[in-house]
Amino acid sequence: MASGNAVVVFGASGCCMCHVVKRLLLGLGVGPTVYELDQMAGAAGGREIQAALAQLLPPGQPPVPVVFVGGRLLGGVEKVMACHINGTLVPLLKQAGALWL
């Protein structure tokens, strides 16, 4: 799921931090593929994906959002915002083919 698109966001429809990440990416001109885990067909499927994603994240990190750029795990909201603030997010997005300018 993560390797088929330049930017993939796994989130939940009612999660404010998921909304923040999606708005940041959209504001930068990126059209991420978004998987709302709470709205996936069969709630068990979304829970299974969320459990698998939680194993990829550091302990104590919120389970969503989880962002992949160029098929590689970037991280959660803290990592995305840190990359945005320190200026490394846009080059990552360009390298993944999510931004052309």
PDB file of N, CA and C in Angstrom:
ATOM      1  N   MET A   1       0.832  -1.197   0.000  1.00  0.00           N
ATOM      2  CA  MET A   1       0.000   0.000   0.000  1.00  0.00           C
ATOM      3  C   MET A   1       0.873   1.256   0.000  1.00  0.00           C
ATOM      4  N   ALA A   2       1.978   1.205   0.736  1.00  0.00           N
ATOM      5  CA  ALA A   2       2.817   2.393   0.873  1.00  0.00           C
ATOM      6  C   ALA A   2       3.751   2.597  -0.312  1.00  0.00           C
ATOM      7  N   SER A   3       4.096   1.527  -1.004  1.00  0.00           N
ATOM      8  CA  SER A   3       5.084   1.665  -2.072  1.00  0.00           C
ATOM      9  C   SER A   3       4.475   2.056  -3.414  1.00  0.00           C
ATOM     10  N   GLY A   4       3.170   1.995  -3.551  1.00  0.00           N
ATOM     11  CA  GLY A   4       2.533   2.285  -4.822  1.00  0.00           C
ATOM     12  C   GLY A   4       2.318   3.755  -5.114  1.00  0.00           C
ATOM     13  N   ASN A   5       2.575   4.629  -4.156  1.00  0.00           N
ATOM     14  CA  ASN A   5       2.324   6.064  -4.311  1.00  0.00           C
ATOM     15  C   ASN A   5       3.479   6.858  -3.715  1.00  0.00           C
ATOM     16  N   ALA A   6       3.650   8.074  -4.206  1.00  0.00           N
ATOM     17  CA  ALA A   6       4.754   8.913  -3.724  1.00  0.00           C
ATOM     18  C   ALA A   6       4.606   9.239  -2.236  1.00  0.00           C
ATOM     19  N   VAL A   7       3.387   9.574  -1.821  1.00  0.00           N
ATOM     20  CA  VAL A   7       3.136   9.905  -0.411  1.00  0.00           C
ATOM     21  C   VAL A   7       1.864   9.198   0.030  1.00  0.00           C
ATOM     22  N   VAL A   8       1.964   8.481   1.136  1.00  0.00           N
ATOM     23  CA  VAL A   8       0.814   7.766   1.690  1.00  0.00           C
ATOM     24  C   VAL A   8       0.663   8.160   3.157  1.00  0.00           C
ATOM     25  N   VAL A   9      -0.568   8.477   3.525  1.00  0.00           N
ATOM     26  CA  VAL A   9      -0.885   8.811   4.914  1.00  0.00           C
ATOM     27  C   VAL A   9      -1.901   7.795   5.422  1.00  0.00           C
ATOM     28  N   PHE A  10      -1.561   7.115   6.499  1.00  0.00           N
ATOM     29  CA  PHE A  10      -2.502   6.255   7.201  1.00  0.00           C
ATOM     30  C   PHE A  10      -3.017   7.058   8.382  1.00  0.00           C
ATOM     31  N   GLY A  11      -4.315   7.223   8.464  1.00  0.00           N
ATOM     32  CA  GLY A  11      -4.874   8.036   9.532  1.00  0.00           C
ATOM     33  C   GLY A  11      -6.229   7.541   9.961  1.00  0.00           C
ATOM     34  N   ALA A  12      -6.918   8.399  10.691  1.00  0.00           N
ATOM     35  CA  ALA A  12      -8.280   8.140  11.145  1.00  0.00           C
ATOM     36  C   ALA A  12      -9.093   9.402  10.894  1.00  0.00           C
ATOM     37  N   SER A  13     -10.325   9.230  10.506  1.00  0.00           N
ATOM     38  CA  SER A  13     -11.144  10.367  10.086  1.00  0.00           C
ATOM     39  C   SER A  13     -11.360  11.404  11.184  1.00  0.00           C
ATOM     40  N   GLY A  14     -11.391  11.009  12.437  1.00  0.00           N
ATOM     41  CA  GLY A  14     -11.630  11.953  13.518  1.00  0.00           C
ATOM     42  C   GLY A  14     -10.375  12.441  14.220  1.00  0.00           C
ATOM     43  N   CYS A  15      -9.213  12.125  13.680  1.00  0.00           N
ATOM     44  CA  CYS A  15      -7.950  12.465  14.337  1.00  0.00           C
ATOM     45  C   CYS A  15      -7.468  13.854  13.906  1.00  0.00           C
ATOM     46  N   CYS A  16      -7.319  14.753  14.857  1.00  0.00           N
ATOM     47  CA  CYS A  16      -6.910  16.120  14.522  1.00  0.00           C
ATOM     48  C   CYS A  16      -5.470  16.179  14.006  1.00  0.00           C
ATOM     49  N   MET A  17      -4.584  15.332  14.507  1.00  0.00           N
ATOM     50  CA  MET A  17      -3.200  15.335  14.026  1.00  0.00           C
ATOM     51  C   MET A  17      -3.111  14.786  12.603  1.00  0.00           C
ATOM     52  N   CYS A  18      -3.991  13.850  12.265  1.00  0.00           N
ATOM     53  CA  CYS A  18      -4.064  13.351  10.888  1.00  0.00           C
ATOM     54  C   CYS A  18      -4.492  14.484   9.962  1.00  0.00           C
ATOM     55  N   HIS A  19      -5.448  15.263  10.416  1.00  0.00           N
ATOM     56  CA  HIS A  19      -5.920  16.410   9.645  1.00  0.00           C
ATOM     57  C   HIS A  19      -4.780  17.407   9.428  1.00  0.00           C
ATOM     58  N   VAL A  20      -3.997  17.667  10.460  1.00  0.00           N
ATOM     59  CA  VAL A  20      -2.876  18.597  10.367  1.00  0.00           C
ATOM     60  C   VAL A  20      -1.866  18.128   9.321  1.00  0.00           C
ATOM     61  N   VAL A  21      -1.522  16.844   9.348  1.00  0.00           N
ATOM     62  CA  VAL A  21      -0.550  16.299   8.391  1.00  0.00           C
ATOM     63  C   VAL A  21      -1.092  16.391   6.969  1.00  0.00           C
ATOM     64  N   LYS A  22      -2.355  16.023   6.787  1.00  0.00           N
ATOM     65  CA  LYS A  22      -2.942  16.077   5.446  1.00  0.00           C
ATOM     66  C   LYS A  22      -2.992  17.512   4.930  1.00  0.00           C
ATOM     67  N   ARG A  23      -3.359  18.460   5.777  1.00  0.00           N
ATOM     68  CA  ARG A  23      -3.433  19.870   5.360  1.00  0.00           C
ATOM     69  C   ARG A  23      -2.037  20.408   5.035  1.00  0.00           C
ATOM     70  N   LEU A  24      -1.031  20.031   5.804  1.00  0.00           N
ATOM     71  CA  LEU A  24       0.337  20.459   5.519  1.00  0.00           C
ATOM     72  C   LEU A  24       0.755  19.972   4.139  1.00  0.00           C
ATOM     73  N   LEU A  25       0.552  18.688   3.873  1.00  0.00           N
ATOM     74  CA  LEU A  25       0.949  18.123   2.590  1.00  0.00           C
ATOM     75  C   LEU A  25       0.179  18.765   1.438  1.00  0.00           C
ATOM     76  N   LEU A  26      -1.117  18.926   1.605  1.00  0.00           N
ATOM     77  CA  LEU A  26      -1.919  19.577   0.567  1.00  0.00           C
ATOM     78  C   LEU A  26      -1.461  21.014   0.346  1.00  0.00           C
ATOM     79  N   GLY A  27      -1.120  21.711   1.427  1.00  0.00           N
ATOM     80  CA  GLY A  27      -0.637  23.090   1.332  1.00  0.00           C
ATOM     81  C   GLY A  27       0.692  23.203   0.593  1.00  0.00           C
ATOM     82  N   LEU A  28       1.482  22.151   0.650  1.00  0.00           N
ATOM     83  CA  LEU A  28       2.759  22.134  -0.068  1.00  0.00           C
ATOM     84  C   LEU A  28       2.575  21.732  -1.529  1.00  0.00           C
ATOM     85  N   GLY A  29       1.363  21.324  -1.894  1.00  0.00           N
ATOM     86  CA  GLY A  29       1.088  20.927  -3.263  1.00  0.00           C
ATOM     87  C   GLY A  29       1.156  19.435  -3.508  1.00  0.00           C
ATOM     88  N   VAL A  30       1.166  18.665  -2.442  1.00  0.00           N
ATOM     89  CA  VAL A  30       1.220  17.209  -2.539  1.00  0.00           C
ATOM     90  C   VAL A  30      -0.191  16.654  -2.417  1.00  0.00           C
ATOM     91  N   GLY A  31      -0.517  15.709  -3.275  1.00  0.00           N
ATOM     92  CA  GLY A  31      -1.799  15.012  -3.190  1.00  0.00           C
ATOM     93  C   GLY A  31      -1.561  13.620  -2.646  1.00  0.00           C
ATOM     94  N   PRO A  32      -1.508  13.462  -1.323  1.00  0.00           N
ATOM     95  CA  PRO A  32      -1.188  12.148  -0.764  1.00  0.00           C
ATOM     96  C   PRO A  32      -2.326  11.153  -0.955  1.00  0.00           C
ATOM     97  N   THR A  33      -1.962   9.904  -1.016  1.00  0.00           N
ATOM     98  CA  THR A  33      -2.957   8.835  -0.938  1.00  0.00           C
ATOM     99  C   THR A  33      -3.258   8.655   0.536  1.00  0.00           C
ATOM    100  N   VAL A  34      -4.518   8.727   0.897  1.00  0.00           N
ATOM    101  CA  VAL A  34      -4.911   8.682   2.305  1.00  0.00           C
ATOM    102  C   VAL A  34      -5.748   7.432   2.560  1.00  0.00           C
ATOM    103  N   TYR A  35      -5.353   6.694   3.570  1.00  0.00           N
ATOM    104  CA  TYR A  35      -6.124   5.545   4.033  1.00  0.00           C
ATOM    105  C   TYR A  35      -6.653   5.875   5.423  1.00  0.00           C
ATOM    106  N   GLU A  36      -7.969   6.052   5.517  1.00  0.00           N
ATOM    107  CA  GLU A  36      -8.609   6.299   6.811  1.00  0.00           C
ATOM    108  C   GLU A  36      -8.907   4.928   7.413  1.00  0.00           C
ATOM    109  N   LEU A  37      -8.105   4.520   8.376  1.00  0.00           N
ATOM    110  CA  LEU A  37      -8.184   3.167   8.912  1.00  0.00           C
ATOM    111  C   LEU A  37      -9.530   2.869   9.561  1.00  0.00           C
ATOM    112  N   ASP A  38     -10.166   3.880  10.131  1.00  0.00           N
ATOM    113  CA  ASP A  38     -11.455   3.663  10.779  1.00  0.00           C
ATOM    114  C   ASP A  38     -12.597   3.542   9.779  1.00  0.00           C
ATOM    115  N   GLN A  39     -12.346   3.834   8.515  1.00  0.00           N
ATOM    116  CA  GLN A  39     -13.395   3.762   7.507  1.00  0.00           C
ATOM    117  C   GLN A  39     -13.138   2.674   6.463  1.00  0.00           C
ATOM    118  N   MET A  40     -12.105   1.875   6.687  1.00  0.00           N
ATOM    119  CA  MET A  40     -11.794   0.810   5.738  1.00  0.00           C
ATOM    120  C   MET A  40     -12.850  -0.279   5.824  1.00  0.00           C
ATOM    121  N   ALA A  41     -13.044  -0.946   4.710  1.00  0.00           N
ATOM    122  CA  ALA A  41     -14.029  -2.031   4.663  1.00  0.00           C
ATOM    123  C   ALA A  41     -13.684  -3.069   5.721  1.00  0.00           C
ATOM    124  N   GLY A  42     -14.597  -3.288   6.609  1.00  0.00           N
ATOM    125  CA  GLY A  42     -14.346  -4.218   7.705  1.00  0.00           C
ATOM    126  C   GLY A  42     -13.416  -3.587   8.723  1.00  0.00           C
ATOM    127  N   ALA A  43     -13.941  -3.236   9.847  1.00  0.00           N
ATOM    128  CA  ALA A  43     -13.143  -2.562  10.876  1.00  0.00           C
ATOM    129  C   ALA A  43     -11.923  -3.380  11.272  1.00  0.00           C
ATOM    130  N   ALA A  44     -12.019  -4.701  11.178  1.00  0.00           N
ATOM    131  CA  ALA A  44     -10.886  -5.552  11.553  1.00  0.00           C
ATOM    132  C   ALA A  44      -9.697  -5.296  10.637  1.00  0.00           C
ATOM    133  N   GLY A  45      -9.947  -5.038   9.353  1.00  0.00           N
ATOM    134  CA  GLY A  45      -8.866  -4.751   8.419  1.00  0.00           C
ATOM    135  C   GLY A  45      -8.100  -3.506   8.813  1.00  0.00           C
ATOM    136  N   GLY A  46      -8.815  -2.459   9.178  1.00  0.00           N
ATOM    137  CA  GLY A  46      -8.176  -1.222   9.623  1.00  0.00           C
ATOM    138  C   GLY A  46      -7.394  -1.413  10.905  1.00  0.00           C
ATOM    139  N   ARG A  47      -7.933  -2.202  11.823  1.00  0.00           N
ATOM    140  CA  ARG A  47      -7.237  -2.463  13.094  1.00  0.00           C
ATOM    141  C   ARG A  47      -5.971  -3.281  12.859  1.00  0.00           C
ATOM    142  N   GLU A  48      -6.036  -4.236  11.929  1.00  0.00           N
ATOM    143  CA  GLU A  48      -4.850  -5.048  11.631  1.00  0.00           C
ATOM    144  C   GLU A  48      -3.743  -4.199  11.023  1.00  0.00           C
ATOM    145  N   ILE A  49      -4.111  -3.312  10.109  1.00  0.00           N
ATOM    146  CA  ILE A  49      -3.121  -2.417   9.502  1.00  0.00           C
ATOM    147  C   ILE A  49      -2.544  -1.498  10.563  1.00  0.00           C
ATOM    148  N   GLN A  50      -3.387  -0.966  11.422  1.00  0.00           N
ATOM    149  CA  GLN A  50      -2.919  -0.073  12.486  1.00  0.00           C
ATOM    150  C   GLN A  50      -1.963  -0.805  13.423  1.00  0.00           C
ATOM    151  N   ALA A  51      -2.248  -2.036  13.739  1.00  0.00           N
ATOM    152  CA  ALA A  51      -1.368  -2.821  14.606  1.00  0.00           C
ATOM    153  C   ALA A  51      -0.017  -3.057  13.928  1.00  0.00           C
ATOM    154  N   ALA A  52      -0.033  -3.330  12.635  1.00  0.00           N
ATOM    155  CA  ALA A  52       1.219  -3.529  11.900  1.00  0.00           C
ATOM    156  C   ALA A  52       2.023  -2.238  11.840  1.00  0.00           C
ATOM    157  N   LEU A  53       1.350  -1.112  11.631  1.00  0.00           N
ATOM    158  CA  LEU A  53       2.038   0.178  11.588  1.00  0.00           C
ATOM    159  C   LEU A  53       2.636   0.531  12.949  1.00  0.00           C
ATOM    160  N   ALA A  54       1.921   0.197  14.026  1.00  0.00           N
ATOM    161  CA  ALA A  54       2.407   0.508  15.377  1.00  0.00           C
ATOM    162  C   ALA A  54       3.733  -0.188  15.659  1.00  0.00           C
ATOM    163  N   GLN A  55       3.951  -1.344  15.051  1.00  0.00           N
ATOM    164  CA  GLN A  55       5.214  -2.060  15.253  1.00  0.00           C
ATOM    165  C   GLN A  55       6.384  -1.356  14.564  1.00  0.00           C
ATOM    166  N   LEU A  56       6.089  -0.518  13.575  1.00  0.00           N
ATOM    167  CA  LEU A  56       7.136   0.205  12.863  1.00  0.00           C
ATOM    168  C   LEU A  56       7.550   1.493  13.571  1.00  0.00           C
ATOM    169  N   LEU A  57       6.688   1.980  14.453  1.00  0.00           N
ATOM    170  CA  LEU A  57       6.919   3.261  15.116  1.00  0.00           C
ATOM    171  C   LEU A  57       7.614   3.080  16.457  1.00  0.00           C
ATOM    172  N   PRO A  58       8.302   4.120  16.909  1.00  0.00           N
ATOM    173  CA  PRO A  58       8.917   4.052  18.242  1.00  0.00           C
ATOM    174  C   PRO A  58       7.841   3.891  19.320  1.00  0.00           C
ATOM    175  N   PRO A  59       8.184   3.226  20.425  1.00  0.00           N
ATOM    176  CA  PRO A  59       7.220   3.054  21.523  1.00  0.00           C
ATOM    177  C   PRO A  59       6.705   4.395  22.032  1.00  0.00           C
ATOM    178  N   GLY A  60       5.431   4.426  22.330  1.00  0.00           N
ATOM    179  CA  GLY A  60       4.822   5.631  22.889  1.00  0.00           C
ATOM    180  C   GLY A  60       4.338   6.624  21.849  1.00  0.00           C
ATOM    181  N   GLN A  61       4.621   6.400  20.585  1.00  0.00           N
ATOM    182  CA  GLN A  61       4.163   7.313  19.540  1.00  0.00           C
ATOM    183  C   GLN A  61       2.706   7.020  19.221  1.00  0.00           C
ATOM    184  N   PRO A  62       1.908   8.063  18.968  1.00  0.00           N
ATOM    185  CA  PRO A  62       0.503   7.818  18.604  1.00  0.00           C
ATOM    186  C   PRO A  62       0.407   6.908  17.382  1.00  0.00           C
ATOM    187  N   PRO A  63      -0.623   6.062  17.328  1.00  0.00           N
ATOM    188  CA  PRO A  63      -0.741   5.089  16.242  1.00  0.00           C
ATOM    189  C   PRO A  63      -1.042   5.691  14.875  1.00  0.00           C
ATOM    190  N   VAL A  64      -1.616   6.867  14.837  1.00  0.00           N
ATOM    191  CA  VAL A  64      -1.871   7.583  13.584  1.00  0.00           C
ATOM    192  C   VAL A  64      -1.607   9.061  13.811  1.00  0.00           C
ATOM    193  N   PRO A  65      -1.220   9.808  12.831  1.00  0.00           N
ATOM    194  CA  PRO A  65      -0.975   9.414  11.457  1.00  0.00           C
ATOM    195  C   PRO A  65       0.384   8.734  11.291  1.00  0.00           C
ATOM    196  N   VAL A  66       0.489   7.959  10.223  1.00  0.00           N
ATOM    197  CA  VAL A  66       1.755   7.352   9.822  1.00  0.00           C
ATOM    198  C   VAL A  66       1.950   7.726   8.358  1.00  0.00           C
ATOM    199  N   VAL A  67       3.111   8.318   8.057  1.00  0.00           N
ATOM    200  CA  VAL A  67       3.367   8.844   6.718  1.00  0.00           C
ATOM    201  C   VAL A  67       4.529   8.099   6.072  1.00  0.00           C
ATOM    202  N   PHE A  68       4.305   7.696   4.828  1.00  0.00           N
ATOM    203  CA  PHE A  68       5.342   7.084   4.006  1.00  0.00           C
ATOM    204  C   PHE A  68       5.625   8.019   2.835  1.00  0.00           C
ATOM    205  N   VAL A  69       6.896   8.235   2.540  1.00  0.00           N
ATOM    206  CA  VAL A  69       7.305   9.060   1.401  1.00  0.00           C
ATOM    207  C   VAL A  69       8.235   8.213   0.540  1.00  0.00           C
ATOM    208  N   GLY A  70       7.883   8.083  -0.717  1.00  0.00           N
ATOM    209  CA  GLY A  70       8.695   7.273  -1.615  1.00  0.00           C
ATOM    210  C   GLY A  70       8.772   5.816  -1.202  1.00  0.00           C
ATOM    211  N   GLY A  71       7.697   5.315  -0.591  1.00  0.00           N
ATOM    212  CA  GLY A  71       7.661   3.926  -0.166  1.00  0.00           C
ATOM    213  C   GLY A  71       8.392   3.632   1.129  1.00  0.00           C
ATOM    214  N   ARG A  72       8.977   4.661   1.730  1.00  0.00           N
ATOM    215  CA  ARG A  72       9.727   4.476   2.983  1.00  0.00           C
ATOM    216  C   ARG A  72       9.019   5.201   4.118  1.00  0.00           C
ATOM    217  N   LEU A  73       9.071   4.603   5.285  1.00  0.00           N
ATOM    218  CA  LEU A  73       8.445   5.199   6.462  1.00  0.00           C
ATOM    219  C   LEU A  73       9.136   6.501   6.812  1.00  0.00           C
ATOM    220  N   LEU A  74       8.356   7.584   6.861  1.00  0.00           N
ATOM    221  CA  LEU A  74       8.870   8.856   7.374  1.00  0.00           C
ATOM    222  C   LEU A  74       8.603   8.914   8.871  1.00  0.00           C
ATOM    223  N   GLY A  75       7.373   8.652   9.280  1.00  0.00           N
ATOM    224  CA  GLY A  75       7.032   8.643  10.700  1.00  0.00           C
ATOM    225  C   GLY A  75       5.663   9.238  10.950  1.00  0.00           C
ATOM    226  N   GLY A  76       5.480   9.672  12.169  1.00  0.00           N
ATOM    227  CA  GLY A  76       4.217  10.260  12.582  1.00  0.00           C
ATOM    228  C   GLY A  76       4.238  11.766  12.477  1.00  0.00           C
ATOM    229  N   VAL A  77       3.289  12.399  13.133  1.00  0.00           N
ATOM    230  CA  VAL A  77       3.143  13.844  13.032  1.00  0.00           C
ATOM    231  C   VAL A  77       4.388  14.574  13.527  1.00  0.00           C
ATOM    232  N   GLU A  78       5.022  14.066  14.581  1.00  0.00           N
ATOM    233  CA  GLU A  78       6.209  14.741  15.108  1.00  0.00           C
ATOM    234  C   GLU A  78       7.336  14.765  14.089  1.00  0.00           C
ATOM    235  N   LYS A  79       7.556  13.651  13.419  1.00  0.00           N
ATOM    236  CA  LYS A  79       8.627  13.555  12.426  1.00  0.00           C
ATOM    237  C   LYS A  79       8.316  14.415  11.208  1.00  0.00           C
ATOM    238  N   VAL A  80       7.069  14.387  10.755  1.00  0.00           N
ATOM    239  CA  VAL A  80       6.679  15.201   9.597  1.00  0.00           C
ATOM    240  C   VAL A  80       6.880  16.673   9.902  1.00  0.00           C
ATOM    241  N   MET A  81       6.431  17.110  11.064  1.00  0.00           N
ATOM    242  CA  MET A  81       6.570  18.523  11.427  1.00  0.00           C
ATOM    243  C   MET A  81       8.035  18.913  11.632  1.00  0.00           C
ATOM    244  N   ALA A  82       8.819  18.020  12.225  1.00  0.00           N
ATOM    245  CA  ALA A  82      10.244  18.304  12.409  1.00  0.00           C
ATOM    246  C   ALA A  82      10.935  18.465  11.055  1.00  0.00           C
ATOM    247  N   CYS A  83      10.609  17.599  10.109  1.00  0.00           N
ATOM    248  CA  CYS A  83      11.196  17.704   8.765  1.00  0.00           C
ATOM    249  C   CYS A  83      10.750  18.984   8.075  1.00  0.00           C
ATOM    250  N   HIS A  84       9.508  19.366   8.288  1.00  0.00           N
ATOM    251  CA  HIS A  84       9.007  20.612   7.692  1.00  0.00           C
ATOM    252  C   HIS A  84       9.754  21.811   8.282  1.00  0.00           C
ATOM    253  N   ILE A  85       9.907  21.814   9.588  1.00  0.00           N
ATOM    254  CA  ILE A  85      10.562  22.948  10.258  1.00  0.00           C
ATOM    255  C   ILE A  85      12.036  23.039   9.896  1.00  0.00           C
ATOM    256  N   ASN A  86      12.730  21.899   9.821  1.00  0.00           N
ATOM    257  CA  ASN A  86      14.171  21.961   9.541  1.00  0.00           C
ATOM    258  C   ASN A  86      14.494  21.994   8.042  1.00  0.00           C
ATOM    259  N   GLY A  87      13.454  22.012   7.195  1.00  0.00           N
ATOM    260  CA  GLY A  87      13.666  22.193   5.772  1.00  0.00           C
ATOM    261  C   GLY A  87      13.973  20.935   4.971  1.00  0.00           C
ATOM    262  N   THR A  88      13.813  19.766   5.566  1.00  0.00           N
ATOM    263  CA  THR A  88      14.119  18.534   4.841  1.00  0.00           C
ATOM    264  C   THR A  88      12.895  17.873   4.208  1.00  0.00           C
ATOM    265  N   LEU A  89      11.697  18.345   4.541  1.00  0.00           N
ATOM    266  CA  LEU A  89      10.490  17.707   4.018  1.00  0.00           C
ATOM    267  C   LEU A  89      10.342  17.918   2.513  1.00  0.00           C
ATOM    268  N   VAL A  90      10.481  19.150   2.041  1.00  0.00           N
ATOM    269  CA  VAL A  90      10.301  19.432   0.614  1.00  0.00           C
ATOM    270  C   VAL A  90      11.306  18.655  -0.232  1.00  0.00           C
ATOM    271  N   PRO A  91      12.603  18.614   0.117  1.00  0.00           N
ATOM    272  CA  PRO A  91      13.522  17.785  -0.681  1.00  0.00           C
ATOM    273  C   PRO A  91      13.131  16.301  -0.700  1.00  0.00           C
ATOM    274  N   LEU A  92      12.640  15.774   0.411  1.00  0.00           N
ATOM    275  CA  LEU A  92      12.172  14.383   0.442  1.00  0.00           C
ATOM    276  C   LEU A  92      11.001  14.178  -0.512  1.00  0.00           C
ATOM    277  N   LEU A  93      10.084  15.138  -0.512  1.00  0.00           N
ATOM    278  CA  LEU A  93       8.921  15.037  -1.382  1.00  0.00           C
ATOM    279  C   LEU A  93       9.314  15.139  -2.851  1.00  0.00           C
ATOM    280  N   LYS A  94      10.271  16.011  -3.137  1.00  0.00           N
ATOM    281  CA  LYS A  94      10.769  16.128  -4.521  1.00  0.00           C
ATOM    282  C   LYS A  94      11.447  14.850  -4.965  1.00  0.00           C
ATOM    283  N   GLN A  95      12.266  14.289  -4.114  1.00  0.00           N
ATOM    284  CA  GLN A  95      12.992  13.065  -4.432  1.00  0.00           C
ATOM    285  C   GLN A  95      12.022  11.905  -4.694  1.00  0.00           C
ATOM    286  N   ALA A  96      10.894  11.897  -3.993  1.00  0.00           N
ATOM    287  CA  ALA A  96       9.904  10.833  -4.154  1.00  0.00           C
ATOM    288  C   ALA A  96       9.012  11.056  -5.367  1.00  0.00           C
ATOM    289  N   GLY A  97       9.127  12.219  -5.981  1.00  0.00           N
ATOM    290  CA  GLY A  97       8.287  12.527  -7.140  1.00  0.00           C
ATOM    291  C   GLY A  97       6.924  13.098  -6.785  1.00  0.00           C
ATOM    292  N   ALA A  98       6.767  13.531  -5.553  1.00  0.00           N
ATOM    293  CA  ALA A  98       5.490  14.105  -5.110  1.00  0.00           C
ATOM    294  C   ALA A  98       5.399  15.595  -5.440  1.00  0.00           C
ATOM    295  N   LEU A  99       6.546  16.242  -5.620  1.00  0.00           N
ATOM    296  CA  LEU A  99       6.612  17.662  -5.992  1.00  0.00           C
ATOM    297  C   LEU A  99       7.532  17.806  -7.189  1.00  0.00           C
ATOM    298  N   TRP A 100       7.175  18.703  -8.080  1.00  0.00           N
ATOM    299  CA  TRP A 100       8.001  18.912  -9.268  1.00  0.00           C
ATOM    300  C   TRP A 100       8.713  20.240  -9.253  1.00  0.00           C
ATOM    301  N   LEU A 101       8.277  21.182  -8.435  1.00  0.00           N
ATOM    302  CA  LEU A 101       8.878  22.513  -8.406  1.00  0.00           C
ATOM    303  C   LEU A 101       9.811  22.690  -7.243  1.00  0.00           C
TER     304      LEU A 101
END
